PDB file of N, CA and C in Angstrom:
ATOM      1  N   MET A   1       5.096 -65.445-247.391  1.00  0.00           N
ATOM      2  CA  MET A   1       6.489 -65.489-248.448  1.00  0.00           C
ATOM      3  C   MET A   1       7.150 -65.550-246.645  1.00  0.00           C
ATOM      4  N   ASN A   2       8.468 -66.698-246.521  1.00  0.00           N
ATOM      5  CA  ASN A   2       8.999 -66.354-245.579  1.00  0.00           C
ATOM      6  C   ASN A   2      10.380 -65.852-245.906  1.00  0.00           C
ATOM      7  N   ASP A   3      10.270 -64.321-245.905  1.00  0.00           N
ATOM      8  CA  ASP A   3      11.839 -64.283-246.019  1.00  0.00           C
ATOM      9  C   ASP A   3      12.845 -64.602-245.065  1.00  0.00           C
ATOM     10  N   GLN A   4      14.211 -64.812-245.566  1.00  0.00           N
ATOM     11  CA  GLN A   4      15.667 -65.570-244.628  1.00  0.00           C
ATOM     12  C   GLN A   4      16.007 -64.774-244.363  1.00  0.00           C
ATOM     13  N   ARG A   5      16.447 -64.702-242.628  1.00  0.00           N
ATOM     14  CA  ARG A   5      17.148 -64.155-242.084  1.00  0.00           C
ATOM     15  C   ARG A   5      18.607 -64.462-242.201  1.00  0.00           C
ATOM     16  N   MET A   6      19.489 -63.121-242.602  1.00  0.00           N
ATOM     17  CA  MET A   6      20.903 -64.214-242.000  1.00  0.00           C
ATOM     18  C   MET A   6      22.124 -62.716-241.166  1.00  0.00           C
ATOM     19  N   ASN A   7      22.797 -63.025-240.641  1.00  0.00           N
ATOM     20  CA  ASN A   7      23.367 -62.325-239.678  1.00  0.00           C
ATOM     21  C   ASN A   7      24.372 -61.332-241.044  1.00  0.00           C
ATOM     22  N   CYS A   8      24.560 -59.807-240.460  1.00  0.00           N
ATOM     23  CA  CYS A   8      25.351 -59.204-241.749  1.00  0.00           C
ATOM     24  C   CYS A   8      26.716 -59.897-240.889  1.00  0.00           C
ATOM     25  N   PRO A   9      27.512 -60.071-242.118  1.00  0.00           N
ATOM     26  CA  PRO A   9      29.194 -60.023-241.559  1.00  0.00           C
ATOM     27  C   PRO A   9      29.501 -59.012-240.748  1.00  0.00           C
ATOM     28  N   GLU A  10      29.057 -57.169-241.528  1.00  0.00           N
ATOM     29  CA  GLU A  10      29.795 -56.917-240.983  1.00  0.00           C
ATOM     30  C   GLU A  10      29.296 -56.289-239.103  1.00  0.00           C
ATOM     31  N   CYS A  11      27.982 -56.287-239.187  1.00  0.00           N
ATOM     32  CA  CYS A  11      28.205 -55.692-237.498  1.00  0.00           C
ATOM     33  C   CYS A  11      26.586 -57.314-236.576  1.00  0.00           C
ATOM     34  N   ASP A  12      26.929 -57.997-237.312  1.00  0.00           N
ATOM     35  CA  ASP A  12      25.601 -58.960-237.051  1.00  0.00           C
ATOM     36  C   ASP A  12      24.519 -58.666-236.632  1.00  0.00           C
ATOM     37  N   ALA A  13      23.568 -57.851-237.234  1.00  0.00           N
ATOM     38  CA  ALA A  13      22.292 -57.606-237.086  1.00  0.00           C
ATOM     39  C   ALA A  13      21.374 -58.339-238.140  1.00  0.00           C
ATOM     40  N   ILE A  14      20.563 -58.421-238.054  1.00  0.00           N
ATOM     41  CA  ILE A  14      19.396 -59.256-239.178  1.00  0.00           C
ATOM     42  C   ILE A  14      19.465 -58.406-240.418  1.00  0.00           C
ATOM     43  N   ILE A  15      19.782 -59.482-241.479  1.00  0.00           N
ATOM     44  CA  ILE A  15      19.582 -58.818-242.692  1.00  0.00           C
ATOM     45  C   ILE A  15      18.443 -59.703-243.312  1.00  0.00           C
ATOM     46  N   LYS A  16      17.234 -59.184-243.809  1.00  0.00           N
ATOM     47  CA  LYS A  16      16.241 -60.040-244.297  1.00  0.00           C
ATOM     48  C   LYS A  16      16.154 -59.993-246.232  1.00  0.00           C
ATOM     49  N   ILE A  17      16.047 -61.158-246.353  1.00  0.00           N
ATOM     50  CA  ILE A  17      15.993 -61.809-247.228  1.00  0.00           C
ATOM     51  C   ILE A  17      14.447 -62.236-248.558  1.00  0.00           C
ATOM     52  N   PRO A  18      14.409 -61.038-249.072  1.00  0.00           N
ATOM     53  CA  PRO A  18      13.442 -61.970-249.414  1.00  0.00           C
ATOM     54  C   PRO A  18      13.057 -63.174-250.480  1.00  0.00           C
ATOM     55  N   ASP A  19      12.099 -64.041-250.470  1.00  0.00           N
ATOM     56  CA  ASP A  19      12.535 -65.331-250.961  1.00  0.00           C
ATOM     57  C   ASP A  19      12.771 -65.598-252.405  1.00  0.00           C
ATOM     58  N   ASP A  20      12.121 -64.218-253.374  1.00  0.00           N
ATOM     59  CA  ASP A  20      12.375 -64.544-254.128  1.00  0.00           C
ATOM     60  C   ASP A  20      13.115 -63.383-254.849  1.00  0.00           C
ATOM     61  N   ALA A  21      14.264 -63.214-254.322  1.00  0.00           N
ATOM     62  CA  ALA A  21      15.927 -62.324-254.455  1.00  0.00           C
ATOM     63  C   ALA A  21      16.693 -63.630-255.128  1.00  0.00           C
ATOM     64  N   SER A  22      16.794 -62.488-256.266  1.00  0.00           N
ATOM     65  CA  SER A  22      17.614 -63.704-257.082  1.00  0.00           C
ATOM     66  C   SER A  22      19.213 -63.144-256.936  1.00  0.00           C
ATOM     67  N   VAL A  23      19.889 -63.801-257.463  1.00  0.00           N
ATOM     68  CA  VAL A  23      22.141 -64.128-257.629  1.00  0.00           C
ATOM     69  C   VAL A  23      22.123 -62.379-258.133  1.00  0.00           C
ATOM     70  N   GLY A  24      23.217 -62.271-257.783  1.00  0.00           N
ATOM     71  CA  GLY A  24      23.016 -60.577-258.270  1.00  0.00           C
ATOM     72  C   GLY A  24      22.408 -59.166-257.535  1.00  0.00           C
ATOM     73  N   GLU A  25      21.526 -59.581-256.975  1.00  0.00           N
ATOM     74  CA  GLU A  25      20.737 -58.905-256.085  1.00  0.00           C
ATOM     75  C   GLU A  25      21.463 -57.575-254.665  1.00  0.00           C
ATOM     76  N   LEU A  26      21.151 -56.770-254.586  1.00  0.00           N
ATOM     77  CA  LEU A  26      22.285 -56.538-253.710  1.00  0.00           C
ATOM     78  C   LEU A  26      20.894 -56.133-252.422  1.00  0.00           C
ATOM     79  N   VAL A  27      21.343 -56.431-251.092  1.00  0.00           N
ATOM     80  CA  VAL A  27      20.682 -55.969-250.155  1.00  0.00           C
ATOM     81  C   VAL A  27      21.651 -55.045-249.222  1.00  0.00           C
ATOM     82  N   SER A  28      20.879 -54.702-248.734  1.00  0.00           N
ATOM     83  CA  SER A  28      21.861 -53.809-247.517  1.00  0.00           C
ATOM     84  C   SER A  28      21.323 -53.772-245.834  1.00  0.00           C
ATOM     85  N   CYS A  29      22.158 -54.178-244.937  1.00  0.00           N
ATOM     86  CA  CYS A  29      21.958 -53.858-243.551  1.00  0.00           C
ATOM     87  C   CYS A  29      21.256 -53.165-242.534  1.00  0.00           C
ATOM     88  N   PRO A  30      20.491 -53.283-242.838  1.00  0.00           N
ATOM     89  CA  PRO A  30      19.624 -51.562-241.995  1.00  0.00           C
ATOM     90  C   PRO A  30      20.346 -51.378-240.791  1.00  0.00           C
ATOM     91  N   ASP A  31      21.516 -52.193-239.873  1.00  0.00           N
ATOM     92  CA  ASP A  31      21.714 -51.338-238.867  1.00  0.00           C
ATOM     93  C   ASP A  31      23.161 -50.365-239.694  1.00  0.00           C
ATOM     94  N   CYS A  32      24.301 -51.096-240.159  1.00  0.00           N
ATOM     95  CA  CYS A  32      25.337 -50.925-240.518  1.00  0.00           C
ATOM     96  C   CYS A  32      25.730 -49.728-242.076  1.00  0.00           C
ATOM     97  N   GLY A  33      24.400 -50.249-242.434  1.00  0.00           N
ATOM     98  CA  GLY A  33      24.329 -49.835-243.837  1.00  0.00           C
ATOM     99  C   GLY A  33      25.105 -50.525-245.428  1.00  0.00           C
ATOM    100  N   ALA A  34      25.947 -51.300-244.447  1.00  0.00           N
ATOM    101  CA  ALA A  34      26.850 -51.952-245.938  1.00  0.00           C
ATOM    102  C   ALA A  34      25.867 -52.526-246.674  1.00  0.00           C
ATOM    103  N   ASP A  35      26.683 -52.799-247.418  1.00  0.00           N
ATOM    104  CA  ASP A  35      25.602 -53.381-248.730  1.00  0.00           C
ATOM    105  C   ASP A  35      26.541 -55.320-249.343  1.00  0.00           C
ATOM    106  N   PHE A  36      25.512 -56.098-249.390  1.00  0.00           N
ATOM    107  CA  PHE A  36      26.419 -57.206-249.673  1.00  0.00           C
ATOM    108  C   PHE A  36      25.484 -57.448-250.968  1.00  0.00           C
ATOM    109  N   GLU A  37      26.104 -58.176-252.106  1.00  0.00           N
ATOM    110  CA  GLU A  37      25.611 -59.212-253.009  1.00  0.00           C
ATOM    111  C   GLU A  37      25.527 -60.000-252.924  1.00  0.00           C
ATOM    112  N   ILE A  38      24.315 -61.198-253.436  1.00  0.00           N
ATOM    113  CA  ILE A  38      23.694 -62.393-253.294  1.00  0.00           C
ATOM    114  C   ILE A  38      24.839 -63.295-254.298  1.00  0.00           C
ATOM    115  N   ALA A  39      25.434 -63.778-253.713  1.00  0.00           N
ATOM    116  CA  ALA A  39      26.992 -64.086-254.321  1.00  0.00           C
ATOM    117  C   ALA A  39      25.836 -66.197-255.179  1.00  0.00           C
ATOM    118  N   SER A  40      25.209 -66.281-254.078  1.00  0.00           N
ATOM    119  CA  SER A  40      24.781 -67.513-254.192  1.00  0.00           C
ATOM    120  C   SER A  40      23.489 -68.015-253.839  1.00  0.00           C
ATOM    121  N   LYS A  41      22.605 -69.099-254.564  1.00  0.00           N
ATOM    122  CA  LYS A  41      21.534 -69.248-253.702  1.00  0.00           C
ATOM    123  C   LYS A  41      20.991 -70.732-254.297  1.00  0.00           C
ATOM    124  N   ASN A  42      20.953 -71.260-253.142  1.00  0.00           N
ATOM    125  CA  ASN A  42      20.976 -72.728-253.155  1.00  0.00           C
ATOM    126  C   ASN A  42      19.518 -73.109-252.432  1.00  0.00           C
ATOM    127  N   GLY A  43      18.248 -72.470-252.870  1.00  0.00           N
ATOM    128  CA  GLY A  43      17.134 -72.820-252.176  1.00  0.00           C
ATOM    129  C   GLY A  43      16.503 -72.441-251.335  1.00  0.00           C
ATOM    130  N   SER A  44      16.755 -71.640-250.264  1.00  0.00           N
ATOM    131  CA  SER A  44      16.762 -71.077-248.658  1.00  0.00           C
ATOM    132  C   SER A  44      18.295 -70.683-248.472  1.00  0.00           C
ATOM    133  N   VAL A  45      19.397 -71.401-249.106  1.00  0.00           N
ATOM    134  CA  VAL A  45      20.624 -70.868-248.818  1.00  0.00           C
ATOM    135  C   VAL A  45      21.239 -70.145-249.434  1.00  0.00           C
ATOM    136  N   CYS A  46      21.802 -68.772-248.606  1.00  0.00           N
ATOM    137  CA  CYS A  46      22.249 -67.544-249.462  1.00  0.00           C
ATOM    138  C   CYS A  46      23.442 -67.307-248.757  1.00  0.00           C
ATOM    139  N   GLU A  47      24.691 -67.270-250.097  1.00  0.00           N
ATOM    140  CA  GLU A  47      25.726 -66.986-249.891  1.00  0.00           C
ATOM    141  C   GLU A  47      25.577 -64.678-250.203  1.00  0.00           C
ATOM    142  N   LEU A  48      26.061 -64.641-249.285  1.00  0.00           N
ATOM    143  CA  LEU A  48      26.723 -62.718-249.560  1.00  0.00           C
ATOM    144  C   LEU A  48      28.061 -62.673-249.508  1.00  0.00           C
ATOM    145  N   LYS A  49      28.339 -61.936-250.243  1.00  0.00           N
ATOM    146  CA  LYS A  49      29.652 -61.021-250.117  1.00  0.00           C
ATOM    147  C   LYS A  49      29.503 -59.730-250.460  1.00  0.00           C
ATOM    148  N   HIS A  50      30.230 -59.019-250.329  1.00  0.00           N
ATOM    149  CA  HIS A  50      30.834 -57.319-250.070  1.00  0.00           C
ATOM    150  C   HIS A  50      30.490 -56.969-251.125  1.00  0.00           C
ATOM    151  N   ALA A  51      29.016 -56.137-251.445  1.00  0.00           N
ATOM    152  CA  ALA A  51      29.018 -55.709-252.914  1.00  0.00           C
ATOM    153  C   ALA A  51      30.031 -54.527-253.270  1.00  0.00           C
ATOM    154  N   GLU A  52      30.660 -54.858-254.297  1.00  0.00           N
ATOM    155  CA  GLU A  52      32.199 -54.027-254.938  1.00  0.00           C
ATOM    156  C   GLU A  52      31.002 -52.438-255.440  1.00  0.00           C
ATOM    157  N   LYS A  53      32.128 -51.520-255.117  1.00  0.00           N
ATOM    158  CA  LYS A  53      31.906 -50.359-254.670  1.00  0.00           C
ATOM    159  C   LYS A  53      32.325 -49.599-255.350  1.00  0.00           C
ATOM    160  N   VAL A  54      31.801 -48.998-257.064  1.00  0.00           N
ATOM    161  CA  VAL A  54      31.661 -48.555-258.257  1.00  0.00           C
ATOM    162  C   VAL A  54      32.385 -46.878-257.797  1.00  0.00           C
ATOM    163  N   GLY A  55      33.618 -46.330-257.645  1.00  0.00           N
ATOM    164  CA  GLY A  55      33.542 -44.992-258.073  1.00  0.00           C
ATOM    165  C   GLY A  55      33.928 -44.140-259.285  1.00  0.00           C
ATOM    166  N   GLU A  56      33.832 -43.201-259.046  1.00  0.00           N
ATOM    167  CA  GLU A  56      33.312 -42.055-260.298  1.00  0.00           C
ATOM    168  C   GLU A  56      34.616 -42.281-260.860  1.00  0.00           C
ATOM    169  N   ASP A  57      34.243 -42.192-262.646  1.00  0.00           N
ATOM    170  CA  ASP A  57      35.180 -42.255-263.607  1.00  0.00           C
ATOM    171  C   ASP A  57      34.783 -41.578-264.353  1.00  0.00           C
ATOM    172  N   TRP A  58      35.986 -40.370-264.255  1.00  0.00           N
ATOM    173  CA  TRP A  58      35.724 -38.877-264.253  1.00  0.00           C
ATOM    174  C   TRP A  58      36.774 -38.581-265.601  1.00  0.00           C
ATOM    175  N   GLY A  59      36.807 -39.792-266.663  1.00  0.00           N
ATOM    176  CA  GLY A  59      37.390 -39.765-267.771  1.00  0.00           C
ATOM    177  C   GLY A  59      39.028 -39.413-267.718  1.00  0.00           C
ATOM    178  N   GLU A  60      39.435 -40.403-266.679  1.00  0.00           N
ATOM    179  CA  GLU A  60      40.976 -40.654-265.934  1.00  0.00           C
ATOM    180  C   GLU A  60      41.538 -41.459-266.921  1.00  0.00           C
TER     181      GLU A  60
END
């Protein structure tokens, strides 16, 4: 398997995306720790978007 490599939109580090990753999966940058969601995947071409951060819901 050849993982796809993309540059982190935040810090430009290399993010490895497994070939079997699917749309909606989360990947993290090993350098800055930013989380990204795979927004679309067409063959070996992926598009990343910032993952939504879900805060605690304290019933308010």
